[in-house]
Amino acid sequence: MNRKSKDLTNGPILKTLINLAIPIMATSFVQMAYNMTDMIWLGHVGSDAVAAVGSAGFFVWFGNALAFTTKIGSEVSVSQAIGKKDNTLAILQGSASILIAFVIAVIYMCFIQFNASKLLSVFDYENKSVLIESAKYLRIVSIGFIFLFLNPTFTGIYNGAGVSKVPFLYNTVGLIMNIVLDPILIYGLGMFEGLGVAGAAIATIVSQSVVLTLFLGSYLRNRFPIHDFKLVMNPGLDKIRKILQIGLPVSAHSAAFSMISLTIAQYAADWGSKAVAVMSIGAQIESISWMTASGFSTAIGSFTGQNLGAGKFSRITKGYISTLTIASSIGMLATLAFIFFGEYIFKIFIQESDVLELGKLYLFILAFSQIFMCIEIVSAGCFNGLGKTIPPSFIGITFTASRIPLAYLLSGYFMMGLQGLWWAISLTTVIKGTLLALWLSLILKNIECEKCVYRQFFSWMVPYRFRYRKYD
C-alpha cells in the first residue's frame, strides 16, 4: 500500500512543525554520528590514521555540499507540488532530482578517482605515508558517492512530502551497521586481518548502501510517499532546470562555507595546535544548536512549500513566527550554557587547563551569536520553501567570506590576537541573522497584502508571481 504524503496545509501549525522537525533533527544527529564513529575507532589506531581520514574528509564535505543541490531542490519542488495537489508534478520533480544526483555522483567520483593524490598534496605532511593512506581512503569512499548523493535526495523527497520519520529510521539502521562494521574492518576479527583506514572507508560505503537499499525497497514495495512515483523517466529539461535553480545556490553556499572555514582554521594555526583544537571541539559543541535549528529549518521549508502551493500565505507567516520563536529559544539556551557553563562543557572533551581556558573564552565569544545563528538558519529554510534560495546564499557567502579580512583586521590592526578571529566569526553571524530575517519579513509582508507600503521599494526582492495579485 502506498505511503501517503502528509498534508501540512491544515491543522495546528506548531504541532505540525514540531512533529515534522524532530525526526529531521534526529536524522542530522545520526549523520553526524557516522563521522564521530569513524574518528573514535580510528583514534585507537593512531593520530596518523585520524589525520588521513580528516584530510580526505574535506573533499567528502565538498561532496556533501554538492548533494545539497538535489536535497534542497527536491524538498522545495516536491512540497510545492504536493501543496498544489499536483501529483504528476511531484513525480516529475522527484524523478528529476534523482537523475541529477546520479549524474553529479558519477562525475565527482571519476574526478576523485583520477585526482585524489594531487588534491591531497595541499596537505604538506612530513610523514608521506599519511597522504598515501588518505588517498586510499578517498578513492574507496568515492566509490560510494552514488549513496552520498542519492540518500539525501530521497530524504529530501520524503521531507517535501511531510514524511520525515522514514529517513530517520533508515539512516539509523545505516548508523548501527557502521558501528558494527567499523571495529571489525578496522582492527580485524578472528582470521581476518584489520584494514585500518581502508576498513573505515569500506564500512562507510556498506552502511550507506544499506540506507539506499531501504529507500529502494520502499519504492519497490509501493510504500513511496508520492503516489505512482517512477524512479527512472525523462522528467523534462524544465523540471531539471527548476531543481538546479533552487538547489545550486544552497550548494554553493555550503561549499563556500567549507572553504572559508578551512582558511580560518589555517589562520588559527598561527597561534598553535591548541587554538585549532579549541575551534574543532567548539565546532562540535556548537553543532548541537546548529543541527537543532537546521531540523526546524527543513521543517519550515517543507511547510512553506506546501502552503505556498496551496495559496495559504498567512499560514506561512504564522509558521515562520512559530518556528522563529522555537529557534530563538534554542539559541538563548545555547547562549546561557556557553556563558555560564562553557568550561564544564569543554571538560567533556579535553582536560588540559590551558586549552580549557581558551575553550571557555571561545564559547563566551560565540555565545553572543547563537540566537542570530538560529534565526539565520530558520529564515533560510523559509526562503527555501518559497523557492528563493539566492537571498540566503548571497548573504551567507558574502558575510562568511568577510570573516577573513575582518579576522585579519581585528587580530592584527586592533591587536586582539586570537580573540579577534573568534569575534569575527561571532559578529558576522549576528549580521547574517539580522539581515536575513529583515529581508524575509519584507517578502512575507508583501505576499500577504496587496497594497503594502514596502511594495514599490522592495518588490524586486519578491518572486514575480507574488507581485500585483490579491491574496486571501
Protein backbone atom coordinates (compact mmCIF):
# COMPACT_ATOMS: atom_id res chain seq x y z
CA MET A 1 0.00 0.00 0.00
CA ASN A 2 1.32 3.46 -0.90
CA ARG A 3 2.70 5.52 1.99
CA LYS A 4 0.73 8.77 1.94
CA SER A 5 2.31 12.20 1.97
CA LYS A 6 1.34 14.41 4.90
CA ASP A 7 -0.83 17.47 4.40
CA LEU A 8 0.96 20.41 6.04
CA THR A 9 -1.62 22.94 4.86
CA ASN A 10 -4.17 22.15 7.58
CA GLY A 11 -4.19 21.51 11.30
CA PRO A 12 -2.40 23.16 14.24
CA ILE A 13 0.73 24.90 12.98
CA LEU A 14 3.06 24.46 15.97
CA LYS A 15 2.25 20.76 16.44
CA THR A 16 2.68 20.12 12.72
CA LEU A 17 6.10 21.80 12.65
CA ILE A 18 7.38 20.03 15.77
CA ASN A 19 6.23 16.61 14.55
CA LEU A 20 7.98 17.24 11.23
CA ALA A 21 11.16 18.73 12.74
CA ILE A 22 12.01 16.16 15.41
CA PRO A 23 12.76 13.24 13.01
CA ILE A 24 14.74 15.63 10.77
CA MET A 25 16.86 16.75 13.72
CA ALA A 26 17.39 13.15 14.74
CA THR A 27 18.47 12.29 11.18
CA SER A 28 21.05 15.11 11.28
CA PHE A 29 22.49 13.82 14.54
CA VAL A 30 22.63 10.30 13.12
CA GLN A 31 24.56 11.54 10.08
CA MET A 32 26.96 13.43 12.36
CA ALA A 33 27.46 10.24 14.35
CA TYR A 34 28.80 8.48 11.21
CA ASN A 35 31.91 10.68 11.26
CA MET A 36 32.24 10.56 15.04
CA THR A 37 32.14 6.76 14.98
CA ASP A 38 34.93 6.58 12.40
CA MET A 39 37.07 9.02 14.38
CA ILE A 40 36.55 7.20 17.68
CA TRP A 41 37.64 3.84 16.27
CA LEU A 42 40.48 5.28 14.19
CA GLY A 43 41.71 7.21 17.21
CA HIS A 44 42.80 3.88 18.71
CA VAL A 45 44.83 3.12 15.58
CA GLY A 46 46.82 6.35 15.89
CA SER A 47 46.92 10.04 15.03
CA ASP A 48 48.20 9.31 11.51
CA ALA A 49 45.02 7.37 10.73
CA VAL A 50 42.88 10.21 12.07
CA ALA A 51 44.87 12.74 10.03
CA ALA A 52 44.49 10.63 6.87
CA VAL A 53 40.70 10.45 7.18
CA GLY A 54 40.49 14.07 8.31
CA SER A 55 42.39 15.28 5.23
CA ALA A 56 40.22 13.25 2.87
CA GLY A 57 37.15 14.40 4.78
CA PHE A 58 37.43 17.89 3.32
CA PHE A 59 36.68 16.53 -0.15
CA VAL A 60 33.86 14.36 1.20
CA TRP A 61 32.48 17.52 2.83
CA PHE A 62 32.62 19.22 -0.56
CA GLY A 63 30.66 16.28 -1.98
CA ASN A 64 28.05 16.76 0.74
CA ALA A 65 27.81 20.40 -0.34
CA LEU A 66 27.13 19.31 -3.93
CA ALA A 67 24.46 16.91 -2.66
CA PHE A 68 22.52 19.88 -1.29
CA THR A 69 21.64 20.71 -4.90
CA THR A 70 19.19 17.83 -5.17
CA LYS A 71 18.29 17.53 -1.47
CA ILE A 72 17.02 21.10 -1.21
CA GLY A 73 15.79 21.08 -4.81
CA SER A 74 13.63 18.03 -4.17
CA GLU A 75 12.37 19.24 -0.77
CA VAL A 76 11.16 22.54 -2.17
CA SER A 77 9.80 21.46 -5.54
CA VAL A 78 8.05 18.35 -4.21
CA SER A 79 6.49 20.22 -1.27
CA GLN A 80 5.17 22.95 -3.59
CA ALA A 81 3.72 20.36 -5.99
CA ILE A 82 2.02 18.47 -3.15
CA GLY A 83 0.61 21.75 -1.83
CA LYS A 84 -0.94 22.31 -5.27
CA LYS A 85 -2.35 18.74 -5.17
CA ASP A 86 -0.43 18.10 -8.39
CA ASN A 87 0.85 14.53 -8.03
CA THR A 88 2.19 14.40 -11.62
CA LEU A 89 4.36 17.46 -10.99
CA ALA A 90 5.63 15.92 -7.74
CA ILE A 91 6.61 12.76 -9.67
CA LEU A 92 8.45 14.75 -12.34
CA GLN A 93 10.34 16.93 -9.84
CA GLY A 94 11.30 13.96 -7.66
CA SER A 95 12.50 11.99 -10.69
CA ALA A 96 14.48 15.00 -11.95
CA SER A 97 16.28 15.34 -8.62
CA ILE A 98 17.26 11.66 -8.62
CA LEU A 99 18.55 11.90 -12.21
CA ILE A 100 20.67 14.96 -11.38
CA ALA A 101 22.02 13.35 -8.21
CA PHE A 102 23.10 10.26 -10.13
CA VAL A 103 24.89 12.26 -12.83
CA ILE A 104 26.73 14.51 -10.36
CA ALA A 105 27.74 11.49 -8.27
CA VAL A 106 29.30 9.71 -11.26
CA ILE A 107 31.16 12.84 -12.40
CA TYR A 108 32.51 13.64 -8.93
CA MET A 109 33.50 10.00 -8.34
CA CYS A 110 35.53 9.94 -11.57
CA PHE A 111 37.15 13.26 -10.71
CA ILE A 112 38.26 11.97 -7.30
CA GLN A 113 39.49 8.63 -8.68
CA PHE A 114 41.84 10.35 -11.10
CA ASN A 115 42.93 13.26 -8.89
CA ALA A 116 42.93 12.03 -5.27
CA SER A 117 46.70 12.18 -4.76
CA LYS A 118 47.00 15.56 -6.47
CA LEU A 119 44.18 17.06 -4.41
CA LEU A 120 45.63 15.82 -1.13
CA SER A 121 49.10 17.18 -1.92
CA VAL A 122 47.95 20.54 -0.46
CA PHE A 123 48.47 18.93 2.96
CA ASP A 124 52.24 19.00 3.28
CA TYR A 125 52.76 16.31 5.92
CA GLU A 126 56.27 15.26 6.84
CA ASN A 127 55.08 11.68 7.08
CA LYS A 128 54.19 10.92 3.47
CA SER A 129 52.52 7.65 4.45
CA VAL A 130 49.63 9.76 5.79
CA LEU A 131 48.98 11.11 2.29
CA ILE A 132 49.15 7.61 0.82
CA GLU A 133 46.58 6.34 3.33
CA SER A 134 44.45 9.43 2.83
CA ALA A 135 44.39 8.93 -0.95
CA LYS A 136 43.50 5.28 -0.47
CA TYR A 137 40.62 6.21 1.86
CA LEU A 138 39.33 8.91 -0.51
CA ARG A 139 39.38 6.64 -3.57
CA ILE A 140 37.50 3.88 -1.73
CA VAL A 141 34.92 6.27 -0.25
CA SER A 142 34.38 7.89 -3.65
CA ILE A 143 33.10 4.56 -5.00
CA GLY A 144 30.17 5.08 -2.65
CA PHE A 145 29.44 8.65 -3.77
CA ILE A 146 26.36 7.31 -5.52
CA PHE A 147 24.97 6.69 -2.00
CA LEU A 148 26.29 10.03 -0.71
CA PHE A 149 24.16 11.82 -3.32
CA LEU A 150 21.09 9.60 -3.66
CA ASN A 151 20.37 9.13 0.06
CA PRO A 152 20.00 12.88 0.77
CA THR A 153 17.92 13.23 -2.39
CA PHE A 154 15.48 10.54 -1.27
CA THR A 155 15.48 12.19 2.17
CA GLY A 156 14.58 15.50 0.51
CA ILE A 157 11.69 13.91 -1.36
CA TYR A 158 10.33 12.36 1.85
CA ASN A 159 10.73 15.64 3.77
CA GLY A 160 8.98 17.55 0.99
CA ALA A 161 6.10 15.09 1.27
CA GLY A 162 5.99 15.69 5.04
CA VAL A 163 7.15 12.15 5.87
CA SER A 164 10.30 12.80 7.92
CA LYS A 165 10.27 9.74 10.19
CA VAL A 166 11.18 7.26 7.45
CA PRO A 167 14.57 8.85 6.53
CA PHE A 168 15.41 8.95 10.24
CA LEU A 169 14.70 5.23 10.65
CA TYR A 170 16.64 4.25 7.52
CA ASN A 171 19.66 6.38 8.46
CA THR A 172 19.60 4.94 11.98
CA VAL A 173 19.84 1.44 10.52
CA GLY A 174 22.85 2.62 8.49
CA LEU A 175 24.50 4.06 11.61
CA ILE A 176 24.06 0.81 13.52
CA MET A 177 25.60 -1.05 10.59
CA ASN A 178 28.53 1.38 10.61
CA ILE A 179 29.07 0.94 14.35
CA VAL A 180 29.16 -2.84 13.93
CA LEU A 181 31.41 -2.89 10.85
CA ASP A 182 33.96 -0.25 11.93
CA PRO A 183 35.83 -2.29 14.58
CA ILE A 184 35.61 -5.47 12.50
CA LEU A 185 37.05 -3.94 9.34
CA ILE A 186 39.50 -1.53 11.01
CA TYR A 187 41.01 -3.94 13.56
CA GLY A 188 40.14 -7.31 12.06
CA LEU A 189 38.24 -10.23 13.56
CA GLY A 190 39.48 -13.75 14.05
CA MET A 191 41.39 -14.89 10.98
CA PHE A 192 40.61 -11.65 9.11
CA GLU A 193 43.31 -9.03 9.18
CA GLY A 194 42.37 -5.44 10.02
CA LEU A 195 42.31 -2.99 7.12
CA GLY A 196 42.85 0.21 9.11
CA VAL A 197 41.87 3.35 7.22
CA ALA A 198 40.61 1.34 4.24
CA GLY A 199 38.36 -0.62 6.61
CA ALA A 200 36.72 2.61 7.80
CA ALA A 201 36.05 3.58 4.17
CA ILE A 202 34.51 0.20 3.34
CA ALA A 203 32.32 0.32 6.47
CA THR A 204 31.01 3.73 5.38
CA ILE A 205 30.20 2.51 1.86
CA VAL A 206 28.42 -0.64 3.07
CA SER A 207 26.40 1.30 5.66
CA GLN A 208 25.32 3.93 3.15
CA SER A 209 24.43 1.24 0.61
CA VAL A 210 22.10 -0.32 3.19
CA VAL A 211 20.31 3.02 3.58
CA LEU A 212 19.84 3.31 -0.19
CA THR A 213 18.60 -0.29 -0.33
CA LEU A 214 15.94 0.58 2.24
CA PHE A 215 14.82 3.60 0.21
CA LEU A 216 14.67 1.50 -2.97
CA GLY A 217 12.84 -1.25 -1.08
CA SER A 218 10.23 1.31 -0.05
CA TYR A 219 9.80 2.25 -3.70
CA LEU A 220 9.56 -1.36 -4.92
CA ARG A 221 7.02 -2.23 -2.20
CA ASN A 222 4.86 0.72 -3.32
CA ARG A 223 5.46 2.48 0.00
CA PHE A 224 6.82 5.69 -1.52
CA PRO A 225 5.17 8.93 -0.28
CA ILE A 226 4.40 10.09 -3.84
CA HIS A 227 1.67 8.03 -5.47
CA ASP A 228 2.67 6.18 -8.69
CA PHE A 229 6.22 7.51 -8.45
CA LYS A 230 8.54 6.49 -11.29
CA LEU A 231 12.21 6.14 -10.41
CA VAL A 232 13.51 6.25 -13.99
CA MET A 233 11.89 8.55 -16.51
CA ASN A 234 12.53 11.63 -18.61
CA PRO A 235 11.27 14.49 -16.41
CA GLY A 236 11.97 17.20 -18.99
CA LEU A 237 14.55 19.99 -19.09
CA ASP A 238 12.24 22.49 -17.37
CA LYS A 239 11.97 20.24 -14.28
CA ILE A 240 15.73 19.67 -14.23
CA ARG A 241 16.28 23.41 -14.56
CA LYS A 242 13.99 24.10 -11.59
CA ILE A 243 15.88 21.67 -9.34
CA LEU A 244 19.17 23.33 -10.28
CA GLN A 245 17.79 26.85 -9.83
CA ILE A 246 16.60 26.01 -6.33
CA GLY A 247 19.45 23.79 -5.18
CA LEU A 248 22.62 25.26 -6.69
CA PRO A 249 22.68 28.46 -4.57
CA VAL A 250 22.41 26.36 -1.39
CA SER A 251 25.12 24.03 -2.65
CA ALA A 252 27.39 26.97 -3.49
CA HIS A 253 26.80 28.43 -0.02
CA SER A 254 27.73 25.16 1.69
CA ALA A 255 30.82 24.69 -0.50
CA ALA A 256 31.97 28.26 0.12
CA PHE A 257 31.41 27.83 3.85
CA SER A 258 33.64 24.75 3.89
CA MET A 259 36.46 26.53 2.05
CA ILE A 260 36.22 29.67 4.20
CA SER A 261 36.21 27.57 7.37
CA LEU A 262 39.36 25.83 6.18
CA THR A 263 41.02 29.22 5.62
CA ILE A 264 40.03 30.43 9.10
CA ALA A 265 41.38 27.19 10.63
CA GLN A 266 44.69 27.67 8.81
CA TYR A 267 44.88 31.23 10.17
CA ALA A 268 44.16 29.97 13.70
CA ALA A 269 47.11 27.59 13.33
CA ASP A 270 49.41 30.64 13.68
CA TRP A 271 48.57 30.52 17.39
CA GLY A 272 49.45 26.83 17.61
CA SER A 273 47.72 23.47 17.53
CA LYS A 274 45.81 24.23 20.74
CA ALA A 275 43.94 27.06 19.03
CA VAL A 276 42.93 24.73 16.20
CA ALA A 277 41.90 22.06 18.73
CA VAL A 278 39.70 24.59 20.56
CA MET A 279 37.97 25.57 17.32
CA SER A 280 37.49 21.93 16.29
CA ILE A 281 35.96 20.98 19.64
CA GLY A 282 33.97 24.22 19.74
CA ALA A 283 32.50 23.45 16.34
CA GLN A 284 31.32 20.06 17.63
CA ILE A 285 29.71 21.73 20.65
CA GLU A 286 28.08 24.45 18.55
CA SER A 287 26.77 21.86 16.09
CA ILE A 288 24.20 20.78 18.67
CA SER A 289 22.33 24.09 18.47
CA TRP A 290 23.11 24.34 14.74
CA MET A 291 21.61 20.93 13.94
CA THR A 292 18.59 21.52 16.16
CA ALA A 293 17.85 24.77 14.33
CA SER A 294 18.51 23.02 10.99
CA GLY A 295 15.80 20.50 11.79
CA PHE A 296 13.27 23.31 12.18
CA SER A 297 14.72 24.99 9.08
CA THR A 298 13.94 21.95 6.94
CA ALA A 299 10.52 21.65 8.59
CA ILE A 300 9.57 25.26 7.86
CA GLY A 301 10.92 24.80 4.31
CA SER A 302 8.57 21.88 3.59
CA PHE A 303 5.74 23.60 5.47
CA THR A 304 6.22 26.80 3.46
CA GLY A 305 6.46 24.90 0.17
CA GLN A 306 3.18 23.06 0.67
CA ASN A 307 1.31 26.14 1.89
CA LEU A 308 2.73 28.20 -0.97
CA GLY A 309 1.41 25.63 -3.43
CA ALA A 310 -1.96 25.70 -1.67
CA GLY A 311 -2.06 29.52 -1.69
CA LYS A 312 -2.27 29.77 2.12
CA PHE A 313 0.10 32.69 2.52
CA SER A 314 -0.94 33.85 6.01
CA ARG A 315 -0.26 30.34 7.28
CA ILE A 316 3.35 30.66 6.02
CA THR A 317 3.89 33.78 8.15
CA LYS A 318 2.36 32.15 11.23
CA GLY A 319 4.51 29.07 10.71
CA TYR A 320 7.66 31.17 10.35
CA ILE A 321 6.92 33.13 13.53
CA SER A 322 6.28 29.91 15.45
CA THR A 323 9.48 28.34 14.17
CA LEU A 324 11.47 31.51 14.82
CA THR A 325 10.22 31.56 18.42
CA ILE A 326 11.36 27.98 18.97
CA ALA A 327 14.72 28.56 17.27
CA SER A 328 15.34 31.75 19.27
CA SER A 329 14.64 29.84 22.47
CA ILE A 330 17.18 27.20 21.42
CA GLY A 331 19.70 29.96 20.71
CA MET A 332 19.05 31.57 24.08
CA LEU A 333 19.62 28.27 25.89
CA ALA A 334 22.90 27.82 24.00
CA THR A 335 23.92 31.39 24.88
CA LEU A 336 23.30 30.87 28.59
CA ALA A 337 25.05 27.48 28.55
CA PHE A 338 28.11 28.89 26.76
CA ILE A 339 28.39 31.90 29.09
CA PHE A 340 27.87 30.19 32.43
CA PHE A 341 28.94 26.58 31.78
CA GLY A 342 31.48 26.88 28.94
CA GLU A 343 34.39 25.45 30.92
CA TYR A 344 32.37 22.47 32.16
CA ILE A 345 31.13 21.73 28.62
CA PHE A 346 34.70 21.78 27.28
CA LYS A 347 35.83 19.44 30.08
CA ILE A 348 33.76 16.70 28.49
CA PHE A 349 36.16 16.72 25.53
CA ILE A 350 39.54 17.70 26.97
CA GLN A 351 41.22 18.16 30.36
CA GLU A 352 44.31 20.32 29.70
CA SER A 353 44.00 23.50 31.79
CA ASP A 354 45.40 25.93 29.19
CA VAL A 355 43.13 24.53 26.48
CA LEU A 356 40.16 24.75 28.83
CA GLU A 357 40.83 28.46 29.37
CA LEU A 358 40.90 29.05 25.62
CA GLY A 359 37.79 26.92 25.16
CA LYS A 360 35.91 28.86 27.84
CA LEU A 361 36.80 32.15 26.08
CA TYR A 362 35.84 30.74 22.66
CA LEU A 363 32.37 29.69 23.84
CA PHE A 364 31.88 33.03 25.65
CA ILE A 365 32.53 34.95 22.42
CA LEU A 366 30.40 32.62 20.29
CA ALA A 367 27.59 32.78 22.86
CA PHE A 368 26.50 36.22 21.63
CA SER A 369 25.80 34.89 18.13
CA GLN A 370 23.83 31.76 18.96
CA ILE A 371 20.37 33.34 18.74
CA PHE A 372 21.26 35.02 15.45
CA MET A 373 22.69 31.76 14.06
CA CYS A 374 19.38 30.03 14.77
CA ILE A 375 17.45 32.94 13.23
CA GLU A 376 19.63 32.77 10.11
CA ILE A 377 19.14 29.02 9.68
CA VAL A 378 15.36 29.12 10.15
CA SER A 379 14.95 32.16 7.90
CA ALA A 380 16.97 30.39 5.20
CA GLY A 381 14.60 27.42 5.48
CA CYS A 382 11.57 29.64 4.88
CA PHE A 383 13.32 31.27 1.91
CA ASN A 384 13.98 27.78 0.52
CA GLY A 385 10.32 26.86 0.84
CA LEU A 386 9.41 29.96 -1.16
CA GLY A 387 11.79 28.75 -3.85
CA LYS A 388 14.04 31.77 -3.26
CA THR A 389 17.38 30.20 -2.34
CA ILE A 390 19.56 33.03 -3.70
CA PRO A 391 18.98 35.60 -0.88
CA PRO A 392 20.21 33.36 1.99
CA SER A 393 23.08 32.10 -0.16
CA PHE A 394 24.07 35.65 -1.13
CA ILE A 395 24.05 36.91 2.45
CA GLY A 396 25.68 33.72 3.73
CA ILE A 397 28.55 33.69 1.24
CA THR A 398 29.14 37.47 1.44
CA PHE A 399 29.37 37.78 5.19
CA THR A 400 31.01 34.41 5.82
CA ALA A 401 33.73 35.45 3.37
CA SER A 402 34.05 38.77 5.19
CA ARG A 403 35.29 36.83 8.21
CA ILE A 404 38.71 36.51 6.58
CA PRO A 405 39.54 40.23 6.22
CA LEU A 406 37.71 41.05 9.46
CA ALA A 407 39.76 38.42 11.32
CA TYR A 408 42.98 39.94 9.98
CA LEU A 409 41.77 43.43 10.94
CA LEU A 410 40.68 42.58 14.50
CA SER A 411 43.54 40.24 15.34
CA GLY A 412 46.25 42.36 13.70
CA TYR A 413 45.37 46.05 13.43
CA PHE A 414 43.34 46.12 16.65
CA MET A 415 45.78 43.68 18.31
CA MET A 416 43.07 41.39 19.66
CA GLY A 417 45.06 38.29 18.71
CA LEU A 418 43.18 35.00 18.63
CA GLN A 419 40.13 36.65 20.19
CA GLY A 420 39.85 38.88 17.12
CA LEU A 421 39.44 35.84 14.92
CA TRP A 422 36.64 34.48 17.09
CA TRP A 423 34.91 37.85 17.32
CA ALA A 424 34.98 38.00 13.50
CA ILE A 425 33.03 34.72 13.41
CA SER A 426 30.53 35.86 16.04
CA LEU A 427 29.93 39.35 14.64
CA THR A 428 29.35 38.18 11.06
CA THR A 429 26.84 35.62 12.34
CA VAL A 430 24.91 38.40 14.09
CA ILE A 431 24.84 40.42 10.86
CA LYS A 432 23.72 37.44 8.74
CA GLY A 433 20.86 36.54 11.07
CA THR A 434 19.64 40.14 11.33
CA LEU A 435 19.73 40.91 7.60
CA LEU A 436 18.14 37.63 6.52
CA ALA A 437 15.25 37.97 9.00
CA LEU A 438 14.59 41.56 7.88
CA TRP A 439 14.68 40.61 4.20
CA LEU A 440 12.29 37.69 4.74
CA SER A 441 9.92 39.86 6.80
CA LEU A 442 9.62 42.26 3.87
CA ILE A 443 8.85 39.44 1.47
CA LEU A 444 6.24 37.85 3.75
CA LYS A 445 4.64 41.26 4.26
CA ASN A 446 4.45 41.77 0.51
CA ILE A 447 2.90 38.42 -0.33
CA GLU A 448 0.19 38.85 2.33
CA CYS A 449 -1.09 42.30 1.41
CA GLU A 450 -1.86 43.80 -1.96
CA LYS A 451 -1.17 47.45 -1.07
CA CYS A 452 1.85 47.17 1.18
CA VAL A 453 3.83 50.38 1.75
CA TYR A 454 7.04 48.47 1.11
CA ARG A 455 5.96 47.10 -2.27
CA GLN A 456 7.20 49.86 -4.53
CA PHE A 457 10.59 49.93 -2.83
CA PHE A 458 11.21 46.25 -2.27
CA SER A 459 9.17 44.47 -4.98
CA TRP A 460 12.40 43.40 -6.71
CA MET A 461 13.06 41.14 -3.73
CA VAL A 462 9.74 39.37 -4.18
CA PRO A 463 9.18 36.47 -6.61
CA TYR A 464 7.46 37.81 -9.75
CA ARG A 465 4.43 35.56 -9.37
CA PHE A 466 3.66 37.18 -5.98
CA ARG A 467 3.51 40.74 -7.38
CA TYR A 468 0.33 42.57 -8.36
CA ARG A 469 -2.17 39.97 -7.19
CA LYS A 470 -4.63 39.69 -4.34
CA TYR A 471 -4.17 37.26 -1.51
CA ASP A 472 -6.56 35.70 0.93
